[in-house]
């Protein structure tokens, strides 16, 4: 049992799990703000058209209330949350790409002599070590 608790503690205290927990807590708090926005501001403004609070709109069918206003409010909540999450992830991806440095591929400055295999300048037409004359095809940089 001790080994199990130790393994669980190591798992729970890993960075990814803690980050996820913090994200869930912040998300729940943000959801309350979005719910308040739709329930207290957006729904009443839309409800002005119907002269009632939008979330209270319902249709009575066989003595059963079908609260379509509450459903539409929940859909508005979802759309706002999805938009905010999309914008947040887009910002994070942009910041991640900015932090990565572009690797500049440098052209090789040297090549190997095909005769003595010593390093020589890429533009050399004659090897300074073995004095072999290099062909134009050999003057191309090695890949």
C-alpha atoms as a PDB file:
ATOM      1  CA  UNK A   1       0.000   0.000   0.000  1.00  0.00           C
ATOM      2  CA  UNK A   2       2.923   2.352   0.752  1.00  0.00           C
ATOM      3  CA  UNK A   3       4.349   1.771  -2.705  1.00  0.00           C
ATOM      4  CA  UNK A   4       0.975   2.542  -4.276  1.00  0.00           C
ATOM      5  CA  UNK A   5       0.646   5.806  -2.304  1.00  0.00           C
ATOM      6  CA  UNK A   6       4.210   6.766  -3.203  1.00  0.00           C
ATOM      7  CA  UNK A   7       3.541   6.139  -6.921  1.00  0.00           C
ATOM      8  CA  UNK A   8       0.292   8.110  -6.733  1.00  0.00           C
ATOM      9  CA  UNK A   9       2.060  11.012  -4.999  1.00  0.00           C
ATOM     10  CA  UNK A  10       4.745  11.075  -7.717  1.00  0.00           C
ATOM     11  CA  UNK A  11       2.049  11.028 -10.399  1.00  0.00           C
ATOM     12  CA  UNK A  12      -0.111  13.706  -8.777  1.00  0.00           C
ATOM     13  CA  UNK A  13       2.775  16.079  -8.202  1.00  0.00           C
ATOM     14  CA  UNK A  14       4.110  15.903 -11.751  1.00  0.00           C
ATOM     15  CA  UNK A  15       4.014  19.207 -13.594  1.00  0.00           C
ATOM     16  CA  UNK A  16       1.412  18.159 -16.175  1.00  0.00           C
ATOM     17  CA  UNK A  17      -1.120  16.994 -13.609  1.00  0.00           C
ATOM     18  CA  UNK A  18      -0.701  20.147 -11.523  1.00  0.00           C
ATOM     19  CA  UNK A  19      -1.015  22.322 -14.645  1.00  0.00           C
ATOM     20  CA  UNK A  20      -4.177  20.483 -15.606  1.00  0.00           C
ATOM     21  CA  UNK A  21      -5.655  20.935 -12.118  1.00  0.00           C
ATOM     22  CA  UNK A  22      -4.915  24.659 -12.169  1.00  0.00           C
ATOM     23  CA  UNK A  23      -6.437  24.905 -15.650  1.00  0.00           C
ATOM     24  CA  UNK A  24      -9.634  23.183 -14.498  1.00  0.00           C
ATOM     25  CA  UNK A  25      -9.966  25.519 -11.499  1.00  0.00           C
ATOM     26  CA  UNK A  26      -9.407  28.632 -13.613  1.00  0.00           C
ATOM     27  CA  UNK A  27     -11.794  27.270 -16.252  1.00  0.00           C
ATOM     28  CA  UNK A  28     -14.522  26.737 -13.672  1.00  0.00           C
ATOM     29  CA  UNK A  29     -14.078  30.281 -12.382  1.00  0.00           C
ATOM     30  CA  UNK A  30     -14.156  31.648 -15.926  1.00  0.00           C
ATOM     31  CA  UNK A  31     -17.288  29.606 -16.672  1.00  0.00           C
ATOM     32  CA  UNK A  32     -19.049  31.399 -13.816  1.00  0.00           C
ATOM     33  CA  UNK A  33     -18.146  34.738 -15.411  1.00  0.00           C
ATOM     34  CA  UNK A  34     -19.431  33.633 -18.836  1.00  0.00           C
ATOM     35  CA  UNK A  35     -22.616  32.222 -17.314  1.00  0.00           C
ATOM     36  CA  UNK A  36     -23.218  35.524 -15.540  1.00  0.00           C
ATOM     37  CA  UNK A  37     -22.562  37.412 -18.774  1.00  0.00           C
ATOM     38  CA  UNK A  38     -25.144  35.396 -20.697  1.00  0.00           C
ATOM     39  CA  UNK A  39     -27.705  35.111 -17.881  1.00  0.00           C
ATOM     40  CA  UNK A  40     -27.483  38.644 -16.530  1.00  0.00           C
ATOM     41  CA  UNK A  41     -26.624  40.712 -19.606  1.00  0.00           C
ATOM     42  CA  UNK A  42     -27.111  38.949 -22.947  1.00  0.00           C
ATOM     43  CA  UNK A  43     -30.344  37.058 -22.164  1.00  0.00           C
ATOM     44  CA  UNK A  44     -32.181  40.105 -20.774  1.00  0.00           C
ATOM     45  CA  UNK A  45     -31.123  42.204 -23.768  1.00  0.00           C
ATOM     46  CA  UNK A  46     -32.359  39.524 -26.174  1.00  0.00           C
ATOM     47  CA  UNK A  47     -35.432  39.112 -23.989  1.00  0.00           C
ATOM     48  CA  UNK A  48     -36.371  42.753 -24.572  1.00  0.00           C
ATOM     49  CA  UNK A  49     -37.770  41.613 -27.907  1.00  0.00           C
ATOM     50  CA  UNK A  50     -40.075  39.128 -26.185  1.00  0.00           C
ATOM     51  CA  UNK A  51     -40.811  41.371 -23.149  1.00  0.00           C
ATOM     52  CA  UNK A  52     -39.492  38.704 -20.772  1.00  0.00           C
ATOM     53  CA  UNK A  53     -36.175  37.307 -19.579  1.00  0.00           C
ATOM     54  CA  UNK A  54     -34.829  35.204 -22.407  1.00  0.00           C
ATOM     55  CA  UNK A  55     -33.800  32.300 -20.171  1.00  0.00           C
ATOM     56  CA  UNK A  56     -37.359  32.089 -18.795  1.00  0.00           C
ATOM     57  CA  UNK A  57     -38.938  31.621 -22.219  1.00  0.00           C
ATOM     58  CA  UNK A  58     -40.787  28.326 -22.445  1.00  0.00           C
ATOM     59  CA  UNK A  59     -43.527  26.583 -24.339  1.00  0.00           C
ATOM     60  CA  UNK A  60     -46.147  24.545 -22.484  1.00  0.00           C
ATOM     61  CA  UNK A  61     -46.994  21.264 -24.178  1.00  0.00           C
ATOM     62  CA  UNK A  62     -49.385  18.884 -22.347  1.00  0.00           C
ATOM     63  CA  UNK A  63     -48.678  20.620 -19.012  1.00  0.00           C
ATOM     64  CA  UNK A  64     -44.889  20.224 -19.553  1.00  0.00           C
ATOM     65  CA  UNK A  65     -42.679  23.303 -19.823  1.00  0.00           C
ATOM     66  CA  UNK A  66     -40.113  23.143 -22.614  1.00  0.00           C
ATOM     67  CA  UNK A  67     -37.606  25.820 -21.630  1.00  0.00           C
ATOM     68  CA  UNK A  68     -36.058  26.667 -24.969  1.00  0.00           C
ATOM     69  CA  UNK A  69     -34.762  29.985 -23.619  1.00  0.00           C
ATOM     70  CA  UNK A  70     -32.573  28.202 -21.053  1.00  0.00           C
ATOM     71  CA  UNK A  71     -31.271  25.913 -23.799  1.00  0.00           C
ATOM     72  CA  UNK A  72     -30.406  28.842 -26.058  1.00  0.00           C
ATOM     73  CA  UNK A  73     -28.668  30.516 -23.100  1.00  0.00           C
ATOM     74  CA  UNK A  74     -26.592  27.357 -22.583  1.00  0.00           C
ATOM     75  CA  UNK A  75     -25.691  27.353 -26.299  1.00  0.00           C
ATOM     76  CA  UNK A  76     -24.610  31.009 -26.044  1.00  0.00           C
ATOM     77  CA  UNK A  77     -22.491  30.078 -22.976  1.00  0.00           C
ATOM     78  CA  UNK A  78     -20.841  27.296 -24.957  1.00  0.00           C
ATOM     79  CA  UNK A  79     -20.118  29.510 -27.963  1.00  0.00           C
ATOM     80  CA  UNK A  80     -18.555  32.218 -25.808  1.00  0.00           C
ATOM     81  CA  UNK A  81     -16.404  29.674 -23.939  1.00  0.00           C
ATOM     82  CA  UNK A  82     -15.344  28.000 -27.210  1.00  0.00           C
ATOM     83  CA  UNK A  83     -14.420  31.382 -28.715  1.00  0.00           C
ATOM     84  CA  UNK A  84     -12.385  32.401 -25.675  1.00  0.00           C
ATOM     85  CA  UNK A  85     -10.567  29.037 -25.543  1.00  0.00           C
ATOM     86  CA  UNK A  86      -9.850  29.247 -29.281  1.00  0.00           C
ATOM     87  CA  UNK A  87      -8.421  32.760 -28.948  1.00  0.00           C
ATOM     88  CA  UNK A  88      -6.397  31.755 -25.881  1.00  0.00           C
ATOM     89  CA  UNK A  89      -4.879  28.721 -27.625  1.00  0.00           C
ATOM     90  CA  UNK A  90      -4.158  30.792 -30.720  1.00  0.00           C
ATOM     91  CA  UNK A  91      -2.288  33.311 -28.545  1.00  0.00           C
ATOM     92  CA  UNK A  92      -0.330  30.546 -26.790  1.00  0.00           C
ATOM     93  CA  UNK A  93       0.637  28.975 -30.147  1.00  0.00           C
ATOM     94  CA  UNK A  94       1.773  32.352 -31.449  1.00  0.00           C
ATOM     95  CA  UNK A  95       3.902  32.959 -28.361  1.00  0.00           C
ATOM     96  CA  UNK A  96       5.365  29.461 -28.636  1.00  0.00           C
ATOM     97  CA  UNK A  97       6.366  30.035 -32.252  1.00  0.00           C
ATOM     98  CA  UNK A  98       7.914  33.392 -31.378  1.00  0.00           C
ATOM     99  CA  UNK A  99      10.043  31.836 -28.676  1.00  0.00           C
ATOM    100  CA  UNK A 100      11.476  29.221 -31.019  1.00  0.00           C
ATOM    101  CA  UNK A 101      14.497  30.569 -32.812  1.00  0.00           C
ATOM    102  CA  UNK A 102      14.670  29.982 -36.504  1.00  0.00           C
ATOM    103  CA  UNK A 103      17.619  27.794 -37.290  1.00  0.00           C
ATOM    104  CA  UNK A 104      19.664  29.374 -40.022  1.00  0.00           C
ATOM    105  CA  UNK A 105      21.216  26.728 -42.179  1.00  0.00           C
ATOM    106  CA  UNK A 106      24.727  27.839 -42.949  1.00  0.00           C
ATOM    107  CA  UNK A 107      26.360  26.856 -46.189  1.00  0.00           C
ATOM    108  CA  UNK A 108      29.417  24.680 -45.614  1.00  0.00           C
ATOM    109  CA  UNK A 109      32.690  26.626 -45.721  1.00  0.00           C
ATOM    110  CA  UNK A 110      34.878  23.586 -46.306  1.00  0.00           C
ATOM    111  CA  UNK A 111      34.919  20.360 -48.252  1.00  0.00           C
ATOM    112  CA  UNK A 112      37.067  17.246 -48.308  1.00  0.00           C
ATOM    113  CA  UNK A 113      39.698  16.691 -50.946  1.00  0.00           C
ATOM    114  CA  UNK A 114      38.759  13.508 -52.851  1.00  0.00           C
ATOM    115  CA  UNK A 115      42.427  12.503 -53.034  1.00  0.00           C
ATOM    116  CA  UNK A 116      43.902  13.120 -49.572  1.00  0.00           C
ATOM    117  CA  UNK A 117      40.628  13.642 -47.642  1.00  0.00           C
ATOM    118  CA  UNK A 118      41.864  16.782 -45.871  1.00  0.00           C
ATOM    119  CA  UNK A 119      39.606  19.751 -45.175  1.00  0.00           C
ATOM    120  CA  UNK A 120      39.965  22.524 -47.767  1.00  0.00           C
ATOM    121  CA  UNK A 121      38.143  25.751 -48.582  1.00  0.00           C
ATOM    122  CA  UNK A 122      34.910  25.253 -50.498  1.00  0.00           C
ATOM    123  CA  UNK A 123      36.113  27.518 -53.330  1.00  0.00           C
ATOM    124  CA  UNK A 124      39.522  25.882 -53.757  1.00  0.00           C
ATOM    125  CA  UNK A 125      40.414  24.543 -57.201  1.00  0.00           C
ATOM    126  CA  UNK A 126      43.640  22.898 -55.974  1.00  0.00           C
ATOM    127  CA  UNK A 127      44.250  21.081 -52.697  1.00  0.00           C
ATOM    128  CA  UNK A 128      46.886  22.903 -50.605  1.00  0.00           C
ATOM    129  CA  UNK A 129      47.915  19.613 -48.946  1.00  0.00           C
ATOM    130  CA  UNK A 130      48.388  17.218 -51.853  1.00  0.00           C
ATOM    131  CA  UNK A 131      48.339  19.834 -54.664  1.00  0.00           C
ATOM    132  CA  UNK A 132      45.788  17.794 -56.608  1.00  0.00           C
ATOM    133  CA  UNK A 133      43.743  19.747 -59.118  1.00  0.00           C
ATOM    134  CA  UNK A 134      40.024  19.597 -58.325  1.00  0.00           C
ATOM    135  CA  UNK A 135      37.370  19.320 -61.043  1.00  0.00           C
ATOM    136  CA  UNK A 136      34.491  21.782 -61.283  1.00  0.00           C
ATOM    137  CA  UNK A 137      32.114  19.010 -60.162  1.00  0.00           C
ATOM    138  CA  UNK A 138      34.186  18.530 -57.030  1.00  0.00           C
ATOM    139  CA  UNK A 139      33.899  22.241 -56.228  1.00  0.00           C
ATOM    140  CA  UNK A 140      30.224  21.749 -55.419  1.00  0.00           C
ATOM    141  CA  UNK A 141      29.572  21.620 -51.671  1.00  0.00           C
ATOM    142  CA  UNK A 142      29.066  18.170 -50.173  1.00  0.00           C
ATOM    143  CA  UNK A 143      25.567  17.389 -48.958  1.00  0.00           C
END
